[in-house]
Amino acid sequence: MVIVTHESYGSILVGTGKQDPCTKSCIDKMEMAQRRAARYVLHRYHNTSSVGKMLDTLQWRSLEERRKQQRLAMLYKIQHGQVALDISDYLKPASRISRHSHELTFQVPSTSVDYIKFSFFPGTARDWNLLPSDMIKAPSLTSFRARLQKGAPIEA
């Protein structure tokens, strides 16, 4: 059984990870709640018990990784016309493709302002550009999510 918190529904708007200074304390509190839940579910309350091992046993991904995957799934939906939003208003295709990128790579706007840098489109475009080509070419949202789940964590 999977319990999804209310925070998960709006998490794609919260920020793009621990680098976001505006939400770090909120993110830390949510991660702490997940760690407590793991102790509760497995009935291991001793301070010598490794919560990291508990999370692995339960196969729970970190909340940061779940948020990143939700944002990437939203960008996939926007890219494939499943959300009524013109992506060209927010992101431009990369002007050139290198051997390390794929054909759906986006230009990431450069800015020194944190609220823009860590907002949905620039932050998610950075993660999107790091995905391998076979993930991007998934034929459906379900297969895209499955490939994200199987794949290694996306490091920004």
C-alpha atoms as a PDB file:
ATOM      1  CA  MET A   1       0.000   0.000   0.000  1.00  0.00           C
ATOM      2  CA  VAL A   2       1.324   3.432  -0.934  1.00  0.00           C
ATOM      3  CA  ILE A   3       0.404   6.485   1.086  1.00  0.00           C
ATOM      4  CA  VAL A   4       0.609   9.725  -0.864  1.00  0.00           C
ATOM      5  CA  THR A   5       0.675  12.912   1.145  1.00  0.00           C
ATOM      6  CA  HIS A   6      -1.028  16.168   0.263  1.00  0.00           C
ATOM      7  CA  GLU A   7       2.447  17.621  -0.274  1.00  0.00           C
ATOM      8  CA  SER A   8       2.998  15.238  -3.203  1.00  0.00           C
ATOM      9  CA  TYR A   9       0.209  16.807  -5.242  1.00  0.00           C
ATOM     10  CA  GLY A  10       1.823  20.251  -5.330  1.00  0.00           C
ATOM     11  CA  SER A  11       5.414  19.095  -5.172  1.00  0.00           C
ATOM     12  CA  ILE A  12       6.233  19.863  -8.807  1.00  0.00           C
ATOM     13  CA  LEU A  13       5.742  23.534  -7.994  1.00  0.00           C
ATOM     14  CA  VAL A  14       7.764  23.581  -4.758  1.00  0.00           C
ATOM     15  CA  GLY A  15      11.215  23.855  -6.303  1.00  0.00           C
ATOM     16  CA  THR A  16      13.862  21.847  -8.022  1.00  0.00           C
ATOM     17  CA  GLY A  17      15.617  20.235  -5.109  1.00  0.00           C
ATOM     18  CA  LYS A  18      17.762  20.915  -2.105  1.00  0.00           C
ATOM     19  CA  GLN A  19      19.508  23.774  -3.897  1.00  0.00           C
ATOM     20  CA  ASP A  20      16.349  25.858  -3.608  1.00  0.00           C
ATOM     21  CA  PRO A  21      16.971  28.054  -0.542  1.00  0.00           C
ATOM     22  CA  CYS A  22      13.326  29.092  -0.246  1.00  0.00           C
ATOM     23  CA  THR A  23      12.067  25.585   0.443  1.00  0.00           C
ATOM     24  CA  LYS A  24      14.990  23.783   2.103  1.00  0.00           C
ATOM     25  CA  SER A  25      13.399  23.794   5.564  1.00  0.00           C
ATOM     26  CA  CYS A  26      10.087  22.545   4.148  1.00  0.00           C
ATOM     27  CA  ILE A  27      11.852  19.798   2.177  1.00  0.00           C
ATOM     28  CA  ASP A  28      13.840  18.745   5.251  1.00  0.00           C
ATOM     29  CA  LYS A  29      10.638  18.498   7.310  1.00  0.00           C
ATOM     30  CA  MET A  30       8.963  16.305   4.667  1.00  0.00           C
ATOM     31  CA  GLU A  31      12.033  14.044   4.425  1.00  0.00           C
ATOM     32  CA  MET A  32      12.044  13.724   8.234  1.00  0.00           C
ATOM     33  CA  ALA A  33       8.368  12.685   8.175  1.00  0.00           C
ATOM     34  CA  GLN A  34       9.174   9.973   5.615  1.00  0.00           C
ATOM     35  CA  ARG A  35      12.033   8.696   7.778  1.00  0.00           C
ATOM     36  CA  ARG A  36       9.748   8.542  10.826  1.00  0.00           C
ATOM     37  CA  ALA A  37       7.126   6.717   8.764  1.00  0.00           C
ATOM     38  CA  ALA A  38       9.719   4.089   7.778  1.00  0.00           C
ATOM     39  CA  ARG A  39      10.520   3.478  11.461  1.00  0.00           C
ATOM     40  CA  TYR A  40       6.796   3.185  12.237  1.00  0.00           C
ATOM     41  CA  VAL A  41       6.018   0.818   9.341  1.00  0.00           C
ATOM     42  CA  LEU A  42       8.890  -1.543  10.202  1.00  0.00           C
ATOM     43  CA  HIS A  43       8.487  -1.171  13.992  1.00  0.00           C
ATOM     44  CA  ARG A  44      12.169  -0.270  14.427  1.00  0.00           C
ATOM     45  CA  TYR A  45      12.443   2.534  16.929  1.00  0.00           C
ATOM     46  CA  HIS A  46      16.018   1.997  18.176  1.00  0.00           C
ATOM     47  CA  ASN A  47      18.460   4.779  17.455  1.00  0.00           C
ATOM     48  CA  THR A  48      20.959   2.187  16.213  1.00  0.00           C
ATOM     49  CA  SER A  49      18.647   1.171  13.344  1.00  0.00           C
ATOM     50  CA  SER A  50      19.665   2.591   9.962  1.00  0.00           C
ATOM     51  CA  VAL A  51      16.812   4.541   8.442  1.00  0.00           C
ATOM     52  CA  GLY A  52      18.563   4.464   5.061  1.00  0.00           C
ATOM     53  CA  LYS A  53      18.460   0.658   5.111  1.00  0.00           C
ATOM     54  CA  MET A  54      14.812   0.794   6.168  1.00  0.00           C
ATOM     55  CA  LEU A  55      13.991   3.002   3.171  1.00  0.00           C
ATOM     56  CA  ASP A  56      15.836   0.541   0.909  1.00  0.00           C
ATOM     57  CA  THR A  57      13.956  -2.401   2.443  1.00  0.00           C
ATOM     58  CA  LEU A  58      10.647  -0.634   1.848  1.00  0.00           C
ATOM     59  CA  GLN A  59      11.833   0.441  -1.615  1.00  0.00           C
ATOM     60  CA  TRP A  60      10.854   4.033  -0.857  1.00  0.00           C
ATOM     61  CA  ARG A  61      12.583   6.611  -2.997  1.00  0.00           C
ATOM     62  CA  SER A  62      13.557   9.891  -1.431  1.00  0.00           C
ATOM     63  CA  LEU A  63      10.955  12.595  -1.625  1.00  0.00           C
ATOM     64  CA  GLU A  64      13.415  14.702  -3.618  1.00  0.00           C
ATOM     65  CA  GLU A  65      13.703  11.944  -6.239  1.00  0.00           C
ATOM     66  CA  ARG A  66       9.893  11.523  -6.337  1.00  0.00           C
ATOM     67  CA  ARG A  67       9.440  15.263  -6.876  1.00  0.00           C
ATOM     68  CA  LYS A  68      12.023  15.233  -9.658  1.00  0.00           C
ATOM     69  CA  GLN A  69      10.263  12.324 -11.371  1.00  0.00           C
ATOM     70  CA  GLN A  70       6.879  14.074 -11.058  1.00  0.00           C
ATOM     71  CA  ARG A  71       8.295  17.229 -12.643  1.00  0.00           C
ATOM     72  CA  LEU A  72       9.841  15.215 -15.492  1.00  0.00           C
ATOM     73  CA  ALA A  73       6.522  13.414 -16.057  1.00  0.00           C
ATOM     74  CA  MET A  74       4.755  16.794 -16.218  1.00  0.00           C
ATOM     75  CA  LEU A  75       7.276  18.055 -18.782  1.00  0.00           C
ATOM     76  CA  TYR A  76       6.753  14.837 -20.778  1.00  0.00           C
ATOM     77  CA  LYS A  77       2.986  15.522 -20.775  1.00  0.00           C
ATOM     78  CA  ILE A  78       3.517  19.129 -21.864  1.00  0.00           C
ATOM     79  CA  GLN A  79       5.985  18.049 -24.564  1.00  0.00           C
ATOM     80  CA  HIS A  80       3.524  15.470 -25.940  1.00  0.00           C
ATOM     81  CA  GLY A  81       0.452  17.706 -25.928  1.00  0.00           C
ATOM     82  CA  GLN A  82      -1.269  16.036 -22.974  1.00  0.00           C
ATOM     83  CA  VAL A  83      -1.406  19.367 -21.129  1.00  0.00           C
ATOM     84  CA  ALA A  84      -2.893  22.436 -22.785  1.00  0.00           C
ATOM     85  CA  LEU A  85       0.241  24.556 -22.566  1.00  0.00           C
ATOM     86  CA  ASP A  86       2.423  25.853 -25.372  1.00  0.00           C
ATOM     87  CA  ILE A  87       5.929  24.861 -24.316  1.00  0.00           C
ATOM     88  CA  SER A  88       7.495  27.260 -26.828  1.00  0.00           C
ATOM     89  CA  ASP A  89       6.350  30.130 -24.599  1.00  0.00           C
ATOM     90  CA  TYR A  90       8.660  28.847 -21.850  1.00  0.00           C
ATOM     91  CA  LEU A  91      11.446  26.729 -23.371  1.00  0.00           C
ATOM     92  CA  LYS A  92      13.343  26.828 -26.643  1.00  0.00           C
ATOM     93  CA  PRO A  93      14.914  23.799 -28.337  1.00  0.00           C
ATOM     94  CA  ALA A  94      18.686  23.604 -28.051  1.00  0.00           C
ATOM     95  CA  SER A  95      20.407  25.340 -30.949  1.00  0.00           C
ATOM     96  CA  ARG A  96      22.868  22.485 -31.379  1.00  0.00           C
ATOM     97  CA  ILE A  97      22.970  18.889 -30.277  1.00  0.00           C
ATOM     98  CA  SER A  98      26.112  17.319 -28.889  1.00  0.00           C
ATOM     99  CA  ARG A  99      26.921  13.626 -28.688  1.00  0.00           C
ATOM    100  CA  HIS A 100      25.839  13.698 -25.028  1.00  0.00           C
ATOM    101  CA  SER A 101      22.387  15.166 -25.678  1.00  0.00           C
ATOM    102  CA  HIS A 102      19.216  14.041 -27.429  1.00  0.00           C
ATOM    103  CA  GLU A 103      17.030  15.683 -30.077  1.00  0.00           C
ATOM    104  CA  LEU A 104      14.538  17.031 -27.502  1.00  0.00           C
ATOM    105  CA  THR A 105      17.106  18.955 -25.481  1.00  0.00           C
ATOM    106  CA  PHE A 106      16.073  22.420 -24.332  1.00  0.00           C
ATOM    107  CA  GLN A 107      18.066  25.589 -23.825  1.00  0.00           C
ATOM    108  CA  VAL A 108      18.222  26.396 -20.131  1.00  0.00           C
ATOM    109  CA  PRO A 109      17.853  30.133 -19.635  1.00  0.00           C
ATOM    110  CA  SER A 110      20.747  31.600 -17.690  1.00  0.00           C
ATOM    111  CA  THR A 111      19.826  33.739 -14.723  1.00  0.00           C
ATOM    112  CA  SER A 112      21.280  34.684 -11.390  1.00  0.00           C
ATOM    113  CA  VAL A 113      17.871  35.169  -9.782  1.00  0.00           C
ATOM    114  CA  ASP A 114      17.024  32.141  -7.636  1.00  0.00           C
ATOM    115  CA  TYR A 115      13.253  32.286  -7.992  1.00  0.00           C
ATOM    116  CA  ILE A 116      13.661  31.957 -11.766  1.00  0.00           C
ATOM    117  CA  LYS A 117      16.570  29.495 -11.663  1.00  0.00           C
ATOM    118  CA  PHE A 118      14.666  27.104  -9.375  1.00  0.00           C
ATOM    119  CA  SER A 119      11.236  27.506 -10.962  1.00  0.00           C
ATOM    120  CA  PHE A 120       9.577  24.680 -12.895  1.00  0.00           C
ATOM    121  CA  PHE A 121      10.777  25.162 -16.471  1.00  0.00           C
ATOM    122  CA  PRO A 122      14.482  26.032 -16.022  1.00  0.00           C
ATOM    123  CA  GLY A 123      14.999  23.491 -13.233  1.00  0.00           C
ATOM    124  CA  THR A 124      13.131  20.693 -14.956  1.00  0.00           C
ATOM    125  CA  ALA A 125      14.780  21.418 -18.319  1.00  0.00           C
ATOM    126  CA  ARG A 126      18.196  20.841 -16.691  1.00  0.00           C
ATOM    127  CA  ASP A 127      17.047  17.401 -15.478  1.00  0.00           C
ATOM    128  CA  TRP A 128      15.286  16.643 -18.791  1.00  0.00           C
ATOM    129  CA  ASN A 129      18.466  17.342 -20.752  1.00  0.00           C
ATOM    130  CA  LEU A 130      20.340  14.775 -18.620  1.00  0.00           C
ATOM    131  CA  LEU A 131      17.918  11.954 -19.459  1.00  0.00           C
ATOM    132  CA  PRO A 132      19.067   9.314 -21.947  1.00  0.00           C
ATOM    133  CA  SER A 133      17.469   9.338 -25.379  1.00  0.00           C
ATOM    134  CA  ASP A 134      15.591   6.043 -24.839  1.00  0.00           C
ATOM    135  CA  MET A 135      13.703   7.561 -21.874  1.00  0.00           C
ATOM    136  CA  ILE A 136      12.711  10.644 -23.839  1.00  0.00           C
ATOM    137  CA  LYS A 137      11.445   8.509 -26.734  1.00  0.00           C
ATOM    138  CA  ALA A 138       9.030   6.510 -24.559  1.00  0.00           C
ATOM    139  CA  PRO A 139       5.783   5.942 -26.511  1.00  0.00           C
ATOM    140  CA  SER A 140       3.481   6.700 -23.573  1.00  0.00           C
ATOM    141  CA  LEU A 141       3.475   8.413 -20.194  1.00  0.00           C
ATOM    142  CA  THR A 142       3.169   5.031 -18.480  1.00  0.00           C
ATOM    143  CA  SER A 143       6.291   3.690 -20.183  1.00  0.00           C
ATOM    144  CA  PHE A 144       8.129   6.986 -19.531  1.00  0.00           C
ATOM    145  CA  ARG A 145       7.363   6.713 -15.803  1.00  0.00           C
ATOM    146  CA  ALA A 146       8.379   3.047 -15.791  1.00  0.00           C
ATOM    147  CA  ARG A 147      11.693   3.927 -17.426  1.00  0.00           C
ATOM    148  CA  LEU A 148      12.252   6.694 -14.871  1.00  0.00           C
ATOM    149  CA  GLN A 149      11.566   4.237 -12.037  1.00  0.00           C
ATOM    150  CA  LYS A 150      13.976   1.647 -13.440  1.00  0.00           C
ATOM    151  CA  GLY A 151      16.670   4.106 -14.382  1.00  0.00           C
ATOM    152  CA  ALA A 152      19.349   5.426 -12.108  1.00  0.00           C
ATOM    153  CA  PRO A 153      18.635   8.616 -10.185  1.00  0.00           C
ATOM    154  CA  ILE A 154      19.047  11.715 -12.325  1.00  0.00           C
ATOM    155  CA  GLU A 155      21.902  13.809 -10.960  1.00  0.00           C
ATOM    156  CA  ALA A 156      21.687  17.505 -11.646  1.00  0.00           C
END
